[in-house]
C-alpha cells in the first residue's frame, strides 16, 4: 500500500491510539504528515487531544479505583510515585497542567493523582486544558519541523520515508534510553 493511502486510511487512528499512552513521537509524525498534506493539522491536534485526554482519564480512574492493588504489583514504580507525591504536595495545579511534558511521567502521574485526594472534577477540568495545549504545541511542532526541513532540503517528497523513519527511530531511541536507565540498579553512594 502506498504511503499516502496508508496515512490517509490509518493516520488519524494511529494518532488517537498512539497518544493514549505516551504519544510525542506519533504526534510529531502526525504534524509532519499534516505539513506534507496527508492529514489536516486541526484533525491531528483533535485526535491527539482525544487520545491524550482519554488515556489520562483512564489512568486517573484506574488509580482511583484500583490504586493500592496495582501499586503493590509494580514496586519498580515506587521512585516515580514518590516524586509525583512530593510534586503534588507543592504544585498540584501546575503538575496537572505540565506533567505530560515530563518524559516518563505521562502514565504514572495521572494514576498516582487518582490515588490522591484530588477531586475528579478538578483533574478533568485542568487535564482538558493541558491535553489541548499539549496536542496543539507538539502537533504544531511537527508541522513546523516539516516546514523547516523544506527550507533546508527542498522537496521533501523524495525523502519523506527516510524522514518518517528517522523521527520514529529517534522517538524509539529516546524511549529505550529512558527505559533502560529506569531499569538499571541504583547504586548507593557513601
N, C-alpha and C. Protein backbone atom coordinates (compact mmCIF):
# COMPACT_ATOMS: atom_id res chain seq x y z
N UNK A 1 0.85 -1.17 0.00
CA UNK A 1 0.00 0.00 0.00
C UNK A 1 0.90 1.24 0.00
N UNK A 2 0.67 2.17 -0.93
CA UNK A 2 1.48 3.40 -0.97
C UNK A 2 1.33 4.22 0.32
N UNK A 3 2.36 4.98 0.63
CA UNK A 3 2.40 5.75 1.87
C UNK A 3 1.20 6.69 2.01
N UNK A 4 0.85 7.38 0.94
CA UNK A 4 -0.26 8.32 1.04
C UNK A 4 -1.58 7.63 1.39
N UNK A 5 -1.85 6.45 0.81
CA UNK A 5 -3.08 5.72 1.14
C UNK A 5 -3.02 5.16 2.55
N UNK A 6 -1.84 4.70 2.96
CA UNK A 6 -1.67 4.16 4.30
C UNK A 6 -1.95 5.23 5.36
N UNK A 7 -1.36 6.41 5.17
CA UNK A 7 -1.59 7.51 6.12
C UNK A 7 -3.03 7.99 6.05
N UNK A 8 -3.59 8.08 4.85
CA UNK A 8 -4.97 8.51 4.69
C UNK A 8 -5.93 7.55 5.40
N UNK A 9 -5.66 6.26 5.30
CA UNK A 9 -6.54 5.25 5.90
C UNK A 9 -6.37 5.14 7.41
N UNK A 10 -5.13 5.14 7.89
CA UNK A 10 -4.86 4.85 9.29
C UNK A 10 -4.26 6.01 10.09
N UNK A 11 -3.93 7.10 9.46
CA UNK A 11 -3.20 8.19 10.12
C UNK A 11 -3.87 8.74 11.36
N UNK A 12 -5.12 9.13 11.24
CA UNK A 12 -5.82 9.72 12.40
C UNK A 12 -6.01 8.68 13.51
N UNK A 13 -6.33 7.44 13.12
CA UNK A 13 -6.50 6.38 14.11
C UNK A 13 -5.18 6.07 14.81
N UNK A 14 -4.08 6.09 14.06
CA UNK A 14 -2.77 5.85 14.67
C UNK A 14 -2.44 6.94 15.68
N UNK A 15 -2.80 8.16 15.37
CA UNK A 15 -2.56 9.27 16.31
C UNK A 15 -3.41 9.08 17.56
N UNK A 16 -4.67 8.73 17.39
CA UNK A 16 -5.55 8.52 18.53
C UNK A 16 -5.01 7.41 19.44
N UNK A 17 -4.67 6.27 18.87
CA UNK A 17 -4.17 5.14 19.66
C UNK A 17 -2.80 5.45 20.25
N UNK A 18 -1.91 6.05 19.46
CA UNK A 18 -0.56 6.36 19.92
C UNK A 18 -0.53 7.34 21.07
N UNK A 19 -1.47 8.27 21.07
CA UNK A 19 -1.48 9.29 22.13
C UNK A 19 -2.25 8.84 23.37
N UNK A 20 -2.86 7.67 23.32
CA UNK A 20 -3.46 7.12 24.54
C UNK A 20 -2.38 6.84 25.58
N UNK A 21 -1.17 6.56 25.12
CA UNK A 21 -0.08 6.25 26.04
C UNK A 21 0.88 7.44 26.08
N UNK A 22 2.04 7.33 25.50
CA UNK A 22 2.98 8.46 25.54
C UNK A 22 2.64 9.46 24.45
N UNK A 23 2.95 9.17 23.21
CA UNK A 23 2.41 9.93 22.12
C UNK A 23 3.20 11.03 21.48
N UNK A 24 4.31 11.50 22.06
CA UNK A 24 5.01 12.63 21.45
C UNK A 24 5.51 12.29 20.05
N UNK A 25 6.10 11.12 19.89
CA UNK A 25 6.65 10.75 18.59
C UNK A 25 5.55 10.64 17.54
N UNK A 26 4.46 9.98 17.89
CA UNK A 26 3.37 9.82 16.93
C UNK A 26 2.75 11.18 16.60
N UNK A 27 2.72 12.08 17.56
CA UNK A 27 2.15 13.40 17.32
C UNK A 27 3.08 14.24 16.43
N UNK A 28 4.37 14.14 16.63
CA UNK A 28 5.32 14.83 15.75
C UNK A 28 5.19 14.27 14.33
N UNK A 29 5.09 12.94 14.21
CA UNK A 29 4.88 12.33 12.90
C UNK A 29 3.58 12.83 12.27
N UNK A 30 2.52 12.95 13.09
CA UNK A 30 1.25 13.46 12.58
C UNK A 30 1.35 14.90 12.10
N UNK A 31 2.07 15.72 12.85
CA UNK A 31 2.28 17.11 12.42
C UNK A 31 3.07 17.18 11.13
N UNK A 32 4.09 16.32 11.02
CA UNK A 32 4.87 16.26 9.78
C UNK A 32 3.99 15.80 8.62
N UNK A 33 3.16 14.79 8.84
CA UNK A 33 2.25 14.30 7.79
C UNK A 33 1.27 15.40 7.38
N UNK A 34 0.86 16.23 8.34
CA UNK A 34 -0.02 17.36 8.01
C UNK A 34 0.72 18.36 7.14
N UNK A 35 1.98 18.62 7.45
CA UNK A 35 2.74 19.54 6.61
C UNK A 35 2.87 19.00 5.19
N UNK A 36 3.04 17.69 5.08
CA UNK A 36 3.19 17.06 3.78
C UNK A 36 1.85 16.97 3.02
N UNK A 37 0.75 17.32 3.69
CA UNK A 37 -0.55 17.34 3.03
C UNK A 37 -1.33 16.04 3.14
N UNK A 38 -0.85 15.07 3.90
CA UNK A 38 -1.55 13.79 4.05
C UNK A 38 -2.70 13.89 5.04
N UNK A 39 -2.53 14.70 6.05
CA UNK A 39 -3.53 14.89 7.09
C UNK A 39 -3.75 16.38 7.29
N UNK A 40 -4.84 16.73 7.94
CA UNK A 40 -5.11 18.14 8.27
C UNK A 40 -4.62 18.39 9.70
N UNK A 41 -3.87 19.45 9.91
CA UNK A 41 -3.33 19.75 11.24
C UNK A 41 -4.42 19.84 12.31
N UNK A 42 -5.56 20.49 12.06
CA UNK A 42 -6.60 20.50 13.10
C UNK A 42 -7.09 19.08 13.45
N UNK A 43 -7.16 18.20 12.47
CA UNK A 43 -7.55 16.82 12.73
C UNK A 43 -6.50 16.08 13.54
N UNK A 44 -5.23 16.33 13.26
CA UNK A 44 -4.13 15.73 14.03
C UNK A 44 -4.23 16.18 15.48
N UNK A 45 -4.41 17.48 15.68
CA UNK A 45 -4.50 18.04 17.04
C UNK A 45 -5.72 17.48 17.76
N UNK A 46 -6.85 17.41 17.08
CA UNK A 46 -8.07 16.89 17.70
C UNK A 46 -7.90 15.43 18.12
N UNK A 47 -7.36 14.60 17.25
CA UNK A 47 -7.18 13.18 17.60
C UNK A 47 -6.17 13.02 18.74
N UNK A 48 -5.11 13.81 18.72
CA UNK A 48 -4.12 13.74 19.81
C UNK A 48 -4.74 14.21 21.12
N UNK A 49 -5.53 15.26 21.06
CA UNK A 49 -6.23 15.74 22.25
C UNK A 49 -7.13 14.65 22.82
N UNK A 50 -7.93 14.03 21.95
CA UNK A 50 -8.85 12.99 22.42
C UNK A 50 -8.09 11.78 22.97
N UNK A 51 -7.05 11.35 22.26
CA UNK A 51 -6.26 10.21 22.74
C UNK A 51 -5.57 10.50 24.05
N UNK A 52 -4.93 11.66 24.14
CA UNK A 52 -4.24 12.04 25.37
C UNK A 52 -5.18 12.18 26.54
N UNK A 53 -6.31 12.84 26.31
CA UNK A 53 -7.29 13.04 27.38
C UNK A 53 -7.89 11.71 27.84
N UNK A 54 -8.25 10.86 26.90
CA UNK A 54 -8.84 9.56 27.27
C UNK A 54 -7.83 8.71 28.04
N UNK A 55 -6.58 8.71 27.60
CA UNK A 55 -5.56 7.94 28.32
C UNK A 55 -5.36 8.45 29.73
N UNK A 56 -5.30 9.77 29.88
CA UNK A 56 -5.13 10.35 31.21
C UNK A 56 -6.30 10.01 32.13
N UNK A 57 -7.51 10.13 31.59
CA UNK A 57 -8.69 9.83 32.40
C UNK A 57 -8.73 8.35 32.78
N UNK A 58 -8.36 7.49 31.85
CA UNK A 58 -8.32 6.06 32.14
C UNK A 58 -7.37 5.78 33.30
N UNK A 59 -6.15 6.32 33.22
CA UNK A 59 -5.17 6.07 34.28
C UNK A 59 -5.59 6.72 35.60
N UNK A 60 -6.19 7.91 35.55
CA UNK A 60 -6.66 8.56 36.77
C UNK A 60 -7.70 7.69 37.47
N UNK A 61 -8.69 7.22 36.72
CA UNK A 61 -9.77 6.45 37.34
C UNK A 61 -9.34 5.03 37.70
N UNK A 62 -8.35 4.48 36.99
CA UNK A 62 -7.76 3.21 37.44
C UNK A 62 -7.08 3.41 38.79
N UNK A 63 -6.37 4.52 38.92
CA UNK A 63 -5.73 4.85 40.20
C UNK A 63 -6.75 5.05 41.30
N UNK A 64 -7.84 5.70 40.96
CA UNK A 64 -8.89 5.98 41.95
C UNK A 64 -9.51 4.67 42.44
N UNK A 65 -9.76 3.74 41.52
CA UNK A 65 -10.47 2.51 41.89
C UNK A 65 -9.55 1.39 42.38
N UNK A 66 -8.40 1.22 41.70
CA UNK A 66 -7.55 0.06 41.98
C UNK A 66 -6.13 0.45 42.40
N UNK A 67 -5.91 1.68 42.76
CA UNK A 67 -4.57 2.19 43.01
C UNK A 67 -3.70 1.37 43.90
N UNK A 68 -4.18 1.08 45.10
CA UNK A 68 -3.36 0.34 46.07
C UNK A 68 -2.95 -1.03 45.57
N UNK A 69 -3.89 -1.74 44.98
CA UNK A 69 -3.59 -3.09 44.49
C UNK A 69 -2.60 -3.07 43.33
N UNK A 70 -2.77 -2.13 42.43
CA UNK A 70 -1.87 -2.07 41.27
C UNK A 70 -0.48 -1.62 41.71
N UNK A 71 -0.41 -0.63 42.58
CA UNK A 71 0.90 -0.15 43.04
C UNK A 71 1.67 -1.25 43.77
N UNK A 72 0.97 -2.11 44.47
CA UNK A 72 1.64 -3.21 45.17
C UNK A 72 2.25 -4.20 44.18
N UNK A 73 1.70 -4.29 42.98
CA UNK A 73 2.22 -5.22 41.97
C UNK A 73 3.41 -4.66 41.19
N UNK A 74 3.62 -3.36 41.24
CA UNK A 74 4.70 -2.73 40.47
C UNK A 74 5.63 -1.93 41.37
N UNK A 75 6.44 -2.60 42.15
CA UNK A 75 7.34 -1.88 43.06
C UNK A 75 8.37 -1.03 42.32
N UNK A 76 8.63 -1.35 41.05
CA UNK A 76 9.60 -0.55 40.28
C UNK A 76 9.09 0.87 40.04
N UNK A 77 7.80 1.11 40.19
CA UNK A 77 7.23 2.44 40.03
C UNK A 77 7.46 3.32 41.25
N UNK A 78 7.91 2.75 42.35
CA UNK A 78 7.93 3.45 43.63
C UNK A 78 8.70 4.77 43.60
N UNK A 79 9.86 4.80 42.93
CA UNK A 79 10.63 6.05 42.92
C UNK A 79 9.87 7.16 42.19
N UNK A 80 9.24 6.83 41.08
CA UNK A 80 8.45 7.84 40.36
C UNK A 80 7.20 8.23 41.14
N UNK A 81 6.61 7.27 41.82
CA UNK A 81 5.42 7.57 42.64
C UNK A 81 5.77 8.54 43.76
N UNK A 82 6.90 8.30 44.41
CA UNK A 82 7.34 9.20 45.47
C UNK A 82 7.58 10.61 44.94
N UNK A 83 8.20 10.70 43.76
CA UNK A 83 8.44 12.02 43.15
C UNK A 83 7.12 12.72 42.85
N UNK A 84 6.17 11.98 42.30
CA UNK A 84 4.87 12.58 41.98
C UNK A 84 4.17 13.07 43.24
N UNK A 85 4.18 12.27 44.30
CA UNK A 85 3.55 12.69 45.55
C UNK A 85 4.18 13.96 46.11
N UNK A 86 5.51 14.05 46.05
CA UNK A 86 6.18 15.26 46.53
C UNK A 86 5.79 16.47 45.68
N UNK A 87 5.74 16.28 44.37
CA UNK A 87 5.34 17.37 43.49
C UNK A 87 3.88 17.77 43.73
N UNK A 88 3.03 16.78 43.96
CA UNK A 88 1.61 17.06 44.22
C UNK A 88 1.41 17.91 45.46
N UNK A 89 2.22 17.64 46.48
CA UNK A 89 2.09 18.39 47.73
C UNK A 89 2.36 19.88 47.52
N UNK A 90 3.28 20.18 46.63
CA UNK A 90 3.69 21.58 46.44
C UNK A 90 3.02 22.27 45.25
N UNK A 91 2.79 21.53 44.18
CA UNK A 91 2.38 22.16 42.92
C UNK A 91 1.20 21.45 42.27
N UNK A 92 0.15 21.19 42.99
CA UNK A 92 -0.94 20.36 42.47
C UNK A 92 -1.47 20.84 41.12
N UNK A 93 -1.91 22.08 41.03
CA UNK A 93 -2.49 22.58 39.78
C UNK A 93 -1.47 22.59 38.66
N UNK A 94 -0.28 23.08 38.95
CA UNK A 94 0.76 23.15 37.92
C UNK A 94 1.16 21.76 37.45
N UNK A 95 1.20 20.81 38.35
CA UNK A 95 1.57 19.45 37.96
C UNK A 95 0.53 18.86 37.00
N UNK A 96 -0.74 19.08 37.28
CA UNK A 96 -1.79 18.60 36.38
C UNK A 96 -1.60 19.21 34.99
N UNK A 97 -1.21 20.48 34.94
CA UNK A 97 -1.08 21.18 33.67
C UNK A 97 0.18 20.80 32.88
N UNK A 98 1.26 20.39 33.57
CA UNK A 98 2.53 20.19 32.84
C UNK A 98 3.09 18.78 32.86
N UNK A 99 2.51 17.85 33.61
CA UNK A 99 3.15 16.54 33.72
C UNK A 99 3.30 15.83 32.39
N UNK A 100 2.43 16.08 31.45
CA UNK A 100 2.52 15.39 30.16
C UNK A 100 3.76 15.82 29.38
N UNK A 101 4.39 16.91 29.79
CA UNK A 101 5.63 17.35 29.16
C UNK A 101 6.85 16.78 29.87
N UNK A 102 6.65 16.01 30.92
CA UNK A 102 7.74 15.42 31.71
C UNK A 102 7.89 13.96 31.27
N UNK A 103 8.87 13.71 30.42
CA UNK A 103 9.01 12.38 29.83
C UNK A 103 9.15 11.32 30.91
N UNK A 104 8.40 10.23 30.74
CA UNK A 104 8.45 9.13 31.68
C UNK A 104 7.43 9.22 32.80
N UNK A 105 6.73 10.35 32.88
CA UNK A 105 5.74 10.53 33.94
C UNK A 105 4.32 10.53 33.38
N UNK A 106 4.17 10.39 32.08
CA UNK A 106 2.88 10.56 31.42
C UNK A 106 1.83 9.57 31.91
N UNK A 107 2.18 8.31 32.11
CA UNK A 107 1.18 7.33 32.54
C UNK A 107 1.08 7.24 34.06
N UNK A 108 2.21 7.31 34.73
CA UNK A 108 2.19 7.11 36.17
C UNK A 108 1.58 8.31 36.92
N UNK A 109 1.75 9.51 36.41
CA UNK A 109 1.26 10.70 37.12
C UNK A 109 -0.26 10.73 37.26
N UNK A 110 -1.04 10.55 36.18
CA UNK A 110 -2.49 10.57 36.40
C UNK A 110 -2.94 9.39 37.28
N UNK A 111 -2.23 8.29 37.19
CA UNK A 111 -2.55 7.14 38.04
C UNK A 111 -2.35 7.50 39.51
N UNK A 112 -1.20 8.09 39.82
CA UNK A 112 -0.91 8.48 41.20
C UNK A 112 -1.88 9.57 41.65
N UNK A 113 -2.21 10.50 40.75
CA UNK A 113 -3.19 11.54 41.10
C UNK A 113 -4.53 10.91 41.45
N UNK A 114 -4.86 9.81 40.77
CA UNK A 114 -6.09 9.10 41.08
C UNK A 114 -6.09 8.51 42.48
N UNK A 115 -4.91 8.17 42.98
CA UNK A 115 -4.82 7.63 44.35
C UNK A 115 -4.81 8.72 45.40
N UNK A 116 -4.68 9.97 44.97
CA UNK A 116 -4.60 11.09 45.92
C UNK A 116 -5.99 11.64 46.21
N UNK A 117 -6.01 12.74 46.92
CA UNK A 117 -7.29 13.36 47.29
C UNK A 117 -7.76 14.40 46.27
N UNK A 118 -7.10 14.48 45.12
CA UNK A 118 -7.54 15.44 44.10
C UNK A 118 -8.95 15.08 43.65
N UNK A 119 -9.82 16.08 43.62
CA UNK A 119 -11.19 15.86 43.16
C UNK A 119 -11.18 15.52 41.67
N UNK A 120 -11.98 14.55 41.29
CA UNK A 120 -12.04 14.12 39.89
C UNK A 120 -12.42 15.28 38.98
N UNK A 121 -13.36 16.09 39.39
CA UNK A 121 -13.81 17.22 38.57
C UNK A 121 -12.65 18.19 38.32
N UNK A 122 -11.86 18.44 39.35
CA UNK A 122 -10.71 19.34 39.22
C UNK A 122 -9.69 18.76 38.24
N UNK A 123 -9.40 17.47 38.39
CA UNK A 123 -8.45 16.83 37.48
C UNK A 123 -8.95 16.90 36.04
N UNK A 124 -10.20 16.57 35.82
CA UNK A 124 -10.75 16.58 34.46
C UNK A 124 -10.65 17.97 33.85
N UNK A 125 -11.05 18.99 34.58
CA UNK A 125 -11.03 20.36 34.06
C UNK A 125 -9.62 20.78 33.64
N UNK A 126 -8.66 20.62 34.55
CA UNK A 126 -7.29 21.02 34.23
C UNK A 126 -6.67 20.12 33.17
N UNK A 127 -7.05 18.85 33.16
CA UNK A 127 -6.50 17.93 32.17
C UNK A 127 -6.99 18.26 30.77
N UNK A 128 -8.20 18.75 30.63
CA UNK A 128 -8.71 19.18 29.32
C UNK A 128 -7.83 20.31 28.78
N UNK A 129 -7.56 21.29 29.62
CA UNK A 129 -6.70 22.41 29.21
C UNK A 129 -5.30 21.90 28.84
N UNK A 130 -4.76 21.02 29.67
CA UNK A 130 -3.41 20.52 29.45
C UNK A 130 -3.33 19.66 28.19
N UNK A 131 -4.30 18.78 27.99
CA UNK A 131 -4.28 17.90 26.81
C UNK A 131 -4.41 18.69 25.52
N UNK A 132 -5.25 19.71 25.53
CA UNK A 132 -5.41 20.53 24.32
C UNK A 132 -4.13 21.33 24.05
N UNK A 133 -3.54 21.89 25.09
CA UNK A 133 -2.28 22.64 24.92
C UNK A 133 -1.18 21.75 24.40
N UNK A 134 -1.05 20.56 24.99
CA UNK A 134 -0.03 19.60 24.58
C UNK A 134 -0.22 19.19 23.12
N UNK A 135 -1.44 18.84 22.74
CA UNK A 135 -1.71 18.40 21.37
C UNK A 135 -1.41 19.52 20.37
N UNK A 136 -1.82 20.73 20.70
CA UNK A 136 -1.59 21.86 19.79
C UNK A 136 -0.10 22.18 19.68
N UNK A 137 0.60 22.17 20.80
CA UNK A 137 2.02 22.53 20.80
C UNK A 137 2.87 21.49 20.08
N UNK A 138 2.71 20.22 20.43
CA UNK A 138 3.54 19.18 19.84
C UNK A 138 3.15 18.93 18.38
N UNK A 139 1.84 18.92 18.09
CA UNK A 139 1.39 18.74 16.70
C UNK A 139 1.88 19.86 15.79
N UNK A 140 1.77 21.09 16.28
CA UNK A 140 2.27 22.23 15.50
C UNK A 140 3.79 22.17 15.38
N UNK A 141 4.44 21.68 16.43
CA UNK A 141 5.90 21.50 16.36
C UNK A 141 6.30 20.54 15.24
N UNK A 142 5.56 19.45 15.08
CA UNK A 142 5.82 18.51 13.99
C UNK A 142 5.59 19.16 12.63
N UNK A 143 4.56 19.99 12.54
CA UNK A 143 4.27 20.72 11.31
C UNK A 143 5.40 21.69 10.98
N UNK A 144 5.84 22.44 11.99
CA UNK A 144 6.92 23.41 11.78
C UNK A 144 8.24 22.70 11.48
N UNK A 145 8.44 21.53 12.06
CA UNK A 145 9.61 20.71 11.75
C UNK A 145 9.63 20.40 10.26
N UNK A 146 8.48 20.01 9.71
CA UNK A 146 8.38 19.76 8.27
C UNK A 146 8.68 21.00 7.46
N UNK A 147 8.18 22.14 7.92
CA UNK A 147 8.43 23.40 7.22
C UNK A 147 9.91 23.75 7.23
N UNK A 148 10.55 23.56 8.38
CA UNK A 148 11.98 23.83 8.48
C UNK A 148 12.81 22.91 7.59
N UNK A 149 12.42 21.63 7.56
CA UNK A 149 13.13 20.70 6.68
C UNK A 149 12.96 21.08 5.22
N UNK A 150 11.77 21.58 4.88
CA UNK A 150 11.52 22.00 3.50
C UNK A 150 12.49 23.11 3.10
N UNK A 151 12.73 24.04 4.00
CA UNK A 151 13.66 25.13 3.74
C UNK A 151 15.08 24.57 3.56
N UNK A 152 15.47 23.64 4.41
CA UNK A 152 16.83 23.09 4.36
C UNK A 152 17.07 22.12 3.20
N UNK A 153 16.06 21.28 2.92
CA UNK A 153 16.28 20.19 1.98
C UNK A 153 15.57 20.35 0.65
N UNK A 154 14.69 21.31 0.54
CA UNK A 154 13.93 21.43 -0.70
C UNK A 154 12.75 20.47 -0.70
N UNK A 155 12.52 19.81 -1.82
CA UNK A 155 11.38 18.90 -1.97
C UNK A 155 11.50 17.71 -1.02
N UNK A 156 10.58 17.62 -0.07
CA UNK A 156 10.63 16.55 0.93
C UNK A 156 9.99 15.25 0.46
N UNK A 157 9.21 15.30 -0.62
CA UNK A 157 8.51 14.10 -1.08
C UNK A 157 9.47 12.95 -1.35
N UNK A 158 10.62 13.24 -1.92
CA UNK A 158 11.55 12.16 -2.24
C UNK A 158 12.30 11.64 -1.01
N UNK A 159 12.21 12.36 0.10
CA UNK A 159 12.90 11.95 1.34
C UNK A 159 11.95 11.58 2.47
N UNK A 160 10.63 11.69 2.23
CA UNK A 160 9.70 11.59 3.36
C UNK A 160 9.73 10.24 4.08
N UNK A 161 9.93 9.15 3.40
CA UNK A 161 10.01 7.84 4.09
C UNK A 161 11.21 7.84 5.03
N UNK A 162 12.34 8.33 4.55
CA UNK A 162 13.54 8.38 5.40
C UNK A 162 13.31 9.31 6.60
N UNK A 163 12.68 10.44 6.36
CA UNK A 163 12.42 11.40 7.44
C UNK A 163 11.49 10.78 8.48
N UNK A 164 10.42 10.14 8.02
CA UNK A 164 9.49 9.49 8.95
C UNK A 164 10.20 8.40 9.75
N UNK A 165 11.07 7.65 9.10
CA UNK A 165 11.82 6.60 9.80
C UNK A 165 12.78 7.19 10.82
N UNK A 166 13.44 8.29 10.49
CA UNK A 166 14.36 8.94 11.43
C UNK A 166 13.60 9.47 12.64
N UNK A 167 12.43 10.08 12.42
CA UNK A 167 11.63 10.58 13.54
C UNK A 167 11.21 9.42 14.43
N UNK A 168 10.71 8.35 13.82
CA UNK A 168 10.27 7.18 14.59
C UNK A 168 11.44 6.54 15.33
N UNK A 169 12.57 6.40 14.67
CA UNK A 169 13.75 5.80 15.30
C UNK A 169 14.26 6.67 16.45
N UNK A 170 14.23 7.97 16.27
CA UNK A 170 14.66 8.88 17.34
C UNK A 170 13.75 8.73 18.56
N UNK A 171 12.44 8.70 18.32
CA UNK A 171 11.50 8.50 19.42
C UNK A 171 11.72 7.17 20.12
N UNK A 172 11.97 6.12 19.34
CA UNK A 172 12.23 4.80 19.92
C UNK A 172 13.52 4.80 20.73
N UNK A 173 14.56 5.45 20.22
CA UNK A 173 15.84 5.52 20.95
C UNK A 173 15.68 6.27 22.27
N UNK A 174 14.96 7.37 22.25
CA UNK A 174 14.74 8.13 23.49
C UNK A 174 13.99 7.26 24.49
N UNK A 175 12.96 6.55 24.01
CA UNK A 175 12.21 5.68 24.90
C UNK A 175 13.10 4.58 25.46
N UNK A 176 13.92 3.97 24.62
CA UNK A 176 14.79 2.88 25.07
C UNK A 176 15.82 3.37 26.10
N UNK A 177 16.41 4.52 25.86
CA UNK A 177 17.37 5.08 26.81
C UNK A 177 16.68 5.30 28.15
N UNK A 178 15.50 5.91 28.10
CA UNK A 178 14.76 6.16 29.34
C UNK A 178 14.38 4.85 30.02
N UNK A 179 13.92 3.87 29.26
CA UNK A 179 13.51 2.58 29.81
C UNK A 179 14.68 1.88 30.49
N UNK A 180 15.84 1.83 29.84
CA UNK A 180 16.98 1.12 30.41
C UNK A 180 17.61 1.87 31.58
N UNK A 181 17.53 3.18 31.58
CA UNK A 181 18.02 3.95 32.74
C UNK A 181 17.17 3.66 33.97
N UNK A 182 15.88 3.55 33.78
CA UNK A 182 14.98 3.25 34.90
C UNK A 182 15.22 1.85 35.44
N UNK A 183 15.57 0.92 34.58
CA UNK A 183 15.74 -0.47 34.99
C UNK A 183 17.11 -0.75 35.58
N UNK A 184 18.06 0.17 35.36
CA UNK A 184 19.40 -0.01 35.90
C UNK A 184 19.35 0.05 37.42
N UNK A 185 20.02 -0.88 38.09
CA UNK A 185 20.00 -0.86 39.56
C UNK A 185 20.65 0.42 40.09
N UNK A 186 20.03 0.95 41.12
CA UNK A 186 20.56 2.15 41.77
C UNK A 186 21.75 1.78 42.64
N UNK A 187 22.82 2.57 42.57
CA UNK A 187 23.96 2.34 43.45
C UNK A 187 23.90 3.33 44.58
N UNK A 188 24.19 2.87 45.75
CA UNK A 188 24.16 3.79 46.90
C UNK A 188 25.51 4.44 47.06
N UNK A 189 25.50 5.74 47.30
CA UNK A 189 26.76 6.45 47.50
C UNK A 189 26.99 6.61 48.99
N UNK A 190 28.21 6.53 49.38
CA UNK A 190 28.55 6.60 50.82
C UNK A 190 29.14 7.92 51.14
